Amino acid sequence: MADTSASSTGADCLDKLKSYVKTQKGFILCTEIVISLIIIICYAASWYRGLCTVAICEMIFAMVFFGIFMMEMDKQIRVVNWVWSDLFRAGIGAVLYIKTSLISMTTVAGDGAHIAGGVSLTDF
């Protein structure tokens, strides 16, 4: 028979999610995911949809790292130095966001959503 006194893994995952979002690193990663989603929506509404590729990639990488740190897999997988890999991910993402923002802000013919995506990138 199944053990009914044990907690379900879904509830355990939800508890880990709630507790990790309350930490500083979890809040920053969650905020990065939300801002990337806003940038994707702005660029998707624009005529220049090619610029949302950077935001999509950065959001996926942030979600992967969020999941790894939330489930504490960084303590189990010791082959990778997770702090340095997260630093490189954030640094490369910041450089690509700045580059995309400058491209979207310096183009002469831009619509409102295109400009909003560039402005939200500079706020990030």
N, C-alpha and C. Protein backbone atom coordinates (compact mmCIF):
# COMPACT_ATOMS: atom_id res chain seq x y z
N MET A 1 0.84 -1.17 0.00
CA MET A 1 0.00 0.00 0.00
C MET A 1 0.88 1.24 0.00
N ALA A 2 0.32 2.29 -0.50
CA ALA A 2 1.06 3.55 -0.58
C ALA A 2 1.06 4.23 0.78
N ASP A 3 2.13 4.93 1.06
CA ASP A 3 2.25 5.66 2.31
C ASP A 3 1.52 6.99 2.16
N THR A 4 0.42 7.16 2.83
CA THR A 4 -0.38 8.38 2.70
C THR A 4 0.09 9.49 3.63
N SER A 5 0.96 9.17 4.56
CA SER A 5 1.42 10.20 5.49
C SER A 5 2.54 11.05 4.90
N ALA A 6 3.17 10.58 3.84
CA ALA A 6 4.26 11.33 3.22
C ALA A 6 3.70 12.50 2.41
N SER A 7 4.40 13.61 2.41
CA SER A 7 3.95 14.78 1.66
C SER A 7 4.21 14.58 0.17
N SER A 8 3.39 15.19 -0.64
CA SER A 8 3.57 15.05 -2.08
C SER A 8 4.75 15.89 -2.54
N THR A 9 5.33 15.49 -3.66
CA THR A 9 6.49 16.23 -4.17
C THR A 9 6.09 17.58 -4.72
N GLY A 10 4.83 17.72 -5.18
CA GLY A 10 4.36 19.02 -5.68
C GLY A 10 4.32 20.05 -4.58
N ALA A 11 3.86 19.66 -3.40
CA ALA A 11 3.81 20.58 -2.28
C ALA A 11 5.22 20.94 -1.81
N ASP A 12 6.11 19.95 -1.85
CA ASP A 12 7.49 20.20 -1.46
C ASP A 12 8.17 21.17 -2.43
N CYS A 13 7.89 21.01 -3.72
CA CYS A 13 8.46 21.91 -4.73
C CYS A 13 7.89 23.32 -4.56
N LEU A 14 6.62 23.42 -4.25
CA LEU A 14 6.00 24.73 -4.05
C LEU A 14 6.57 25.41 -2.81
N ASP A 15 6.84 24.64 -1.76
CA ASP A 15 7.47 25.20 -0.56
C ASP A 15 8.88 25.70 -0.86
N LYS A 16 9.62 24.93 -1.66
CA LYS A 16 10.97 25.36 -2.04
C LYS A 16 10.92 26.63 -2.87
N LEU A 17 9.92 26.70 -3.77
CA LEU A 17 9.77 27.89 -4.60
C LEU A 17 9.48 29.12 -3.75
N LYS A 18 8.55 29.00 -2.82
CA LYS A 18 8.19 30.13 -1.96
C LYS A 18 9.37 30.57 -1.10
N SER A 19 10.10 29.61 -0.56
CA SER A 19 11.21 29.99 0.31
C SER A 19 12.38 30.55 -0.49
N TYR A 20 12.58 30.06 -1.73
CA TYR A 20 13.70 30.57 -2.53
C TYR A 20 13.43 31.97 -3.07
N VAL A 21 12.18 32.26 -3.40
CA VAL A 21 11.86 33.61 -3.91
C VAL A 21 12.06 34.65 -2.82
N LYS A 22 11.96 34.25 -1.56
CA LYS A 22 12.16 35.19 -0.46
C LYS A 22 13.62 35.52 -0.23
N THR A 23 14.54 34.74 -0.79
CA THR A 23 15.96 35.07 -0.66
C THR A 23 16.32 36.17 -1.66
N GLN A 24 17.47 36.78 -1.45
CA GLN A 24 17.88 37.89 -2.32
C GLN A 24 18.18 37.39 -3.74
N LYS A 25 18.90 36.29 -3.86
CA LYS A 25 19.24 35.76 -5.18
C LYS A 25 18.00 35.28 -5.91
N GLY A 26 17.08 34.63 -5.20
CA GLY A 26 15.85 34.17 -5.82
C GLY A 26 14.99 35.32 -6.30
N PHE A 27 14.93 36.39 -5.52
CA PHE A 27 14.16 37.56 -5.91
C PHE A 27 14.75 38.22 -7.15
N ILE A 28 16.07 38.29 -7.21
CA ILE A 28 16.73 38.90 -8.37
C ILE A 28 16.49 38.06 -9.63
N LEU A 29 16.61 36.73 -9.52
CA LEU A 29 16.37 35.88 -10.68
C LEU A 29 14.90 35.93 -11.12
N CYS A 30 13.99 35.97 -10.16
CA CYS A 30 12.56 36.07 -10.49
C CYS A 30 12.26 37.40 -11.17
N THR A 31 12.85 38.47 -10.68
CA THR A 31 12.67 39.78 -11.29
C THR A 31 13.25 39.81 -12.70
N GLU A 32 14.39 39.16 -12.89
CA GLU A 32 15.00 39.10 -14.22
C GLU A 32 14.11 38.34 -15.20
N ILE A 33 13.47 37.29 -14.74
CA ILE A 33 12.56 36.52 -15.60
C ILE A 33 11.35 37.37 -15.99
N VAL A 34 10.79 38.10 -15.03
CA VAL A 34 9.61 38.93 -15.30
C VAL A 34 9.96 40.08 -16.25
N ILE A 35 11.10 40.73 -16.04
CA ILE A 35 11.50 41.83 -16.92
C ILE A 35 11.80 41.31 -18.32
N SER A 36 12.40 40.14 -18.42
CA SER A 36 12.64 39.55 -19.74
C SER A 36 11.32 39.26 -20.45
N LEU A 37 10.32 38.80 -19.71
CA LEU A 37 9.02 38.55 -20.30
C LEU A 37 8.38 39.85 -20.81
N ILE A 38 8.52 40.93 -20.05
CA ILE A 38 7.99 42.23 -20.49
C ILE A 38 8.70 42.70 -21.76
N ILE A 39 10.01 42.51 -21.82
CA ILE A 39 10.77 42.90 -23.01
C ILE A 39 10.35 42.06 -24.21
N ILE A 40 10.11 40.77 -24.00
CA ILE A 40 9.66 39.91 -25.10
C ILE A 40 8.31 40.39 -25.62
N ILE A 41 7.41 40.74 -24.73
CA ILE A 41 6.09 41.23 -25.15
C ILE A 41 6.22 42.53 -25.93
N CYS A 42 7.08 43.44 -25.48
CA CYS A 42 7.26 44.71 -26.19
C CYS A 42 7.83 44.49 -27.58
N TYR A 43 8.85 43.65 -27.69
CA TYR A 43 9.45 43.41 -29.00
C TYR A 43 8.55 42.57 -29.90
N ALA A 44 7.73 41.69 -29.32
CA ALA A 44 6.80 40.89 -30.14
C ALA A 44 5.71 41.77 -30.73
N ALA A 45 5.33 42.83 -30.05
CA ALA A 45 4.33 43.76 -30.57
C ALA A 45 4.92 44.72 -31.59
N SER A 46 6.23 44.76 -31.68
CA SER A 46 6.90 45.67 -32.59
C SER A 46 7.01 45.06 -33.98
N TRP A 47 7.38 45.86 -34.94
CA TRP A 47 7.63 45.37 -36.29
C TRP A 47 8.98 44.68 -36.37
N TYR A 48 9.87 44.96 -35.42
CA TYR A 48 11.21 44.39 -35.42
C TYR A 48 11.25 43.24 -34.42
N ARG A 49 10.72 42.10 -34.81
CA ARG A 49 10.61 40.97 -33.88
C ARG A 49 11.93 40.24 -33.68
N GLY A 50 12.90 40.49 -34.49
CA GLY A 50 14.18 39.79 -34.39
C GLY A 50 14.96 40.12 -33.13
N LEU A 51 14.66 41.26 -32.51
CA LEU A 51 15.41 41.66 -31.32
C LEU A 51 14.97 40.93 -30.06
N CYS A 52 13.85 40.22 -30.11
CA CYS A 52 13.39 39.53 -28.90
C CYS A 52 14.15 38.23 -28.67
N THR A 53 15.05 37.85 -29.56
CA THR A 53 15.82 36.63 -29.39
C THR A 53 16.72 36.70 -28.17
N VAL A 54 17.32 37.83 -27.94
CA VAL A 54 18.20 38.00 -26.77
C VAL A 54 17.38 37.85 -25.49
N ALA A 55 16.21 38.46 -25.45
CA ALA A 55 15.38 38.38 -24.25
C ALA A 55 14.87 36.96 -24.02
N ILE A 56 14.54 36.25 -25.08
CA ILE A 56 14.09 34.86 -24.94
C ILE A 56 15.20 33.99 -24.40
N CYS A 57 16.39 34.11 -24.96
CA CYS A 57 17.53 33.30 -24.49
C CYS A 57 17.88 33.63 -23.05
N GLU A 58 17.89 34.90 -22.71
CA GLU A 58 18.24 35.29 -21.34
C GLU A 58 17.18 34.83 -20.35
N MET A 59 15.91 34.87 -20.75
CA MET A 59 14.86 34.39 -19.86
C MET A 59 14.97 32.88 -19.64
N ILE A 60 15.27 32.13 -20.69
CA ILE A 60 15.41 30.68 -20.55
C ILE A 60 16.60 30.35 -19.66
N PHE A 61 17.73 31.02 -19.86
CA PHE A 61 18.90 30.77 -19.01
C PHE A 61 18.62 31.14 -17.55
N ALA A 62 17.91 32.25 -17.33
CA ALA A 62 17.56 32.64 -15.96
C ALA A 62 16.62 31.62 -15.33
N MET A 63 15.70 31.07 -16.10
CA MET A 63 14.79 30.06 -15.58
C MET A 63 15.53 28.76 -15.22
N VAL A 64 16.50 28.41 -16.05
CA VAL A 64 17.30 27.21 -15.76
C VAL A 64 18.09 27.39 -14.47
N PHE A 65 18.76 28.52 -14.33
CA PHE A 65 19.53 28.78 -13.12
C PHE A 65 18.62 28.93 -11.90
N PHE A 66 17.43 29.51 -12.10
CA PHE A 66 16.47 29.61 -11.01
C PHE A 66 16.08 28.22 -10.52
N GLY A 67 15.80 27.32 -11.47
CA GLY A 67 15.44 25.95 -11.11
C GLY A 67 16.58 25.20 -10.43
N ILE A 68 17.79 25.40 -10.92
CA ILE A 68 18.94 24.72 -10.32
C ILE A 68 19.17 25.19 -8.89
N PHE A 69 19.13 26.50 -8.68
CA PHE A 69 19.37 27.03 -7.33
C PHE A 69 18.18 26.76 -6.41
N MET A 70 16.96 26.76 -6.94
CA MET A 70 15.79 26.51 -6.11
C MET A 70 15.77 25.06 -5.61
N MET A 71 16.07 24.13 -6.49
CA MET A 71 16.06 22.72 -6.10
C MET A 71 17.36 22.27 -5.44
N GLU A 72 18.28 23.21 -5.24
CA GLU A 72 19.58 22.98 -4.60
C GLU A 72 20.41 21.91 -5.32
N MET A 73 20.29 21.90 -6.65
CA MET A 73 21.11 20.99 -7.45
C MET A 73 22.55 21.44 -7.53
N ASP A 74 22.79 22.72 -7.24
CA ASP A 74 24.16 23.23 -7.27
C ASP A 74 25.01 22.56 -6.19
N LYS A 75 24.39 22.10 -5.12
CA LYS A 75 25.12 21.41 -4.07
C LYS A 75 25.35 19.94 -4.39
N GLN A 76 24.56 19.40 -5.30
CA GLN A 76 24.71 18.00 -5.69
C GLN A 76 25.66 17.84 -6.87
N ILE A 77 25.60 18.76 -7.82
CA ILE A 77 26.46 18.71 -9.01
C ILE A 77 27.65 19.61 -8.75
N ARG A 78 28.74 19.04 -8.39
CA ARG A 78 29.92 19.82 -8.01
C ARG A 78 30.93 19.97 -9.15
N VAL A 79 30.63 19.42 -10.32
CA VAL A 79 31.54 19.52 -11.45
C VAL A 79 31.60 20.95 -11.96
N VAL A 80 30.46 21.65 -11.90
CA VAL A 80 30.35 23.01 -12.41
C VAL A 80 30.46 23.99 -11.25
N ASN A 81 31.21 25.05 -11.45
CA ASN A 81 31.24 26.13 -10.47
C ASN A 81 30.06 27.05 -10.78
N TRP A 82 28.98 26.90 -10.03
CA TRP A 82 27.73 27.56 -10.34
C TRP A 82 27.78 29.06 -10.13
N VAL A 83 28.57 29.52 -9.21
CA VAL A 83 28.67 30.96 -8.96
C VAL A 83 29.30 31.66 -10.16
N TRP A 84 30.39 31.10 -10.66
CA TRP A 84 31.05 31.71 -11.81
C TRP A 84 30.21 31.58 -13.08
N SER A 85 29.55 30.44 -13.26
CA SER A 85 28.72 30.29 -14.46
C SER A 85 27.53 31.24 -14.42
N ASP A 86 26.96 31.48 -13.24
CA ASP A 86 25.88 32.45 -13.13
C ASP A 86 26.39 33.87 -13.37
N LEU A 87 27.60 34.15 -12.89
CA LEU A 87 28.19 35.46 -13.13
C LEU A 87 28.44 35.69 -14.62
N PHE A 88 28.98 34.69 -15.31
CA PHE A 88 29.20 34.82 -16.75
C PHE A 88 27.88 34.95 -17.50
N ARG A 89 26.84 34.20 -17.08
CA ARG A 89 25.54 34.30 -17.71
C ARG A 89 24.97 35.71 -17.56
N ALA A 90 25.05 36.25 -16.36
CA ALA A 90 24.52 37.58 -16.11
C ALA A 90 25.34 38.66 -16.84
N GLY A 91 26.66 38.50 -16.87
CA GLY A 91 27.51 39.47 -17.56
C GLY A 91 27.28 39.49 -19.05
N ILE A 92 27.24 38.30 -19.65
CA ILE A 92 27.00 38.23 -21.09
C ILE A 92 25.60 38.73 -21.42
N GLY A 93 24.63 38.39 -20.57
CA GLY A 93 23.27 38.88 -20.79
C GLY A 93 23.17 40.39 -20.69
N ALA A 94 23.89 40.97 -19.74
CA ALA A 94 23.87 42.44 -19.60
C ALA A 94 24.49 43.12 -20.81
N VAL A 95 25.59 42.58 -21.30
CA VAL A 95 26.24 43.15 -22.49
C VAL A 95 25.32 43.04 -23.70
N LEU A 96 24.67 41.89 -23.87
CA LEU A 96 23.77 41.72 -25.01
C LEU A 96 22.52 42.59 -24.87
N TYR A 97 22.02 42.76 -23.65
CA TYR A 97 20.88 43.66 -23.44
C TYR A 97 21.24 45.10 -23.75
N ILE A 98 22.41 45.54 -23.34
CA ILE A 98 22.84 46.91 -23.63
C ILE A 98 23.01 47.11 -25.13
N LYS A 99 23.61 46.12 -25.79
CA LYS A 99 23.80 46.20 -27.24
C LYS A 99 22.45 46.25 -27.96
N THR A 100 21.52 45.41 -27.56
CA THR A 100 20.19 45.41 -28.17
C THR A 100 19.45 46.71 -27.89
N SER A 101 19.61 47.23 -26.68
CA SER A 101 18.97 48.49 -26.33
C SER A 101 19.51 49.63 -27.17
N LEU A 102 20.81 49.68 -27.37
CA LEU A 102 21.39 50.73 -28.20
C LEU A 102 20.93 50.61 -29.65
N ILE A 103 20.82 49.39 -30.13
CA ILE A 103 20.34 49.20 -31.50
C ILE A 103 18.90 49.68 -31.63
N SER A 104 18.07 49.32 -30.65
CA SER A 104 16.66 49.70 -30.76
C SER A 104 16.44 51.19 -30.52
N MET A 105 17.30 51.82 -29.74
CA MET A 105 17.12 53.25 -29.47
C MET A 105 17.72 54.14 -30.56
N THR A 106 18.68 53.63 -31.30
CA THR A 106 19.32 54.47 -32.32
C THR A 106 18.70 54.32 -33.70
N THR A 107 17.83 53.34 -33.89
CA THR A 107 17.17 53.23 -35.19
C THR A 107 16.18 54.37 -35.33
N VAL A 108 16.17 54.96 -36.49
CA VAL A 108 15.36 56.15 -36.72
C VAL A 108 13.88 55.79 -36.81
N ALA A 109 13.55 54.78 -37.59
CA ALA A 109 12.14 54.42 -37.81
C ALA A 109 11.76 53.31 -36.84
N GLY A 110 11.27 53.68 -35.67
CA GLY A 110 10.82 52.70 -34.70
C GLY A 110 9.41 53.00 -34.27
N ASP A 111 8.65 51.94 -34.02
CA ASP A 111 7.30 52.17 -33.52
C ASP A 111 7.33 52.20 -32.00
N GLY A 112 6.18 52.41 -31.39
CA GLY A 112 6.11 52.58 -29.94
C GLY A 112 6.56 51.37 -29.16
N ALA A 113 6.17 50.18 -29.61
CA ALA A 113 6.57 48.97 -28.90
C ALA A 113 8.08 48.74 -29.00
N HIS A 114 8.65 49.09 -30.13
CA HIS A 114 10.09 48.95 -30.33
C HIS A 114 10.85 49.86 -29.36
N ILE A 115 10.40 51.08 -29.23
CA ILE A 115 11.03 52.03 -28.31
C ILE A 115 10.81 51.60 -26.87
N ALA A 116 9.62 51.08 -26.55
CA ALA A 116 9.35 50.62 -25.18
C ALA A 116 10.24 49.45 -24.81
N GLY A 117 10.51 48.57 -25.76
CA GLY A 117 11.42 47.46 -25.50
C GLY A 117 12.83 47.95 -25.24
N GLY A 118 13.28 48.95 -25.98
CA GLY A 118 14.61 49.51 -25.76
C GLY A 118 14.72 50.25 -24.45
N VAL A 119 13.67 50.95 -24.07
CA VAL A 119 13.68 51.69 -22.80
C VAL A 119 13.66 50.72 -21.63
N SER A 120 12.86 49.66 -21.73
CA SER A 120 12.81 48.70 -20.64
C SER A 120 14.13 47.95 -20.53
N LEU A 121 14.86 47.81 -21.61
CA LEU A 121 16.19 47.20 -21.54
C LEU A 121 17.16 48.09 -20.79
N THR A 122 17.08 49.40 -21.02
CA THR A 122 18.01 50.29 -20.32
C THR A 122 17.66 50.40 -18.85
N ASP A 123 16.40 50.20 -18.48
CA ASP A 123 16.03 50.20 -17.07
C ASP A 123 16.51 48.96 -16.35
N PHE A 124 16.71 47.89 -17.10
CA PHE A 124 17.13 46.63 -16.51
C PHE A 124 18.55 46.75 -16.08
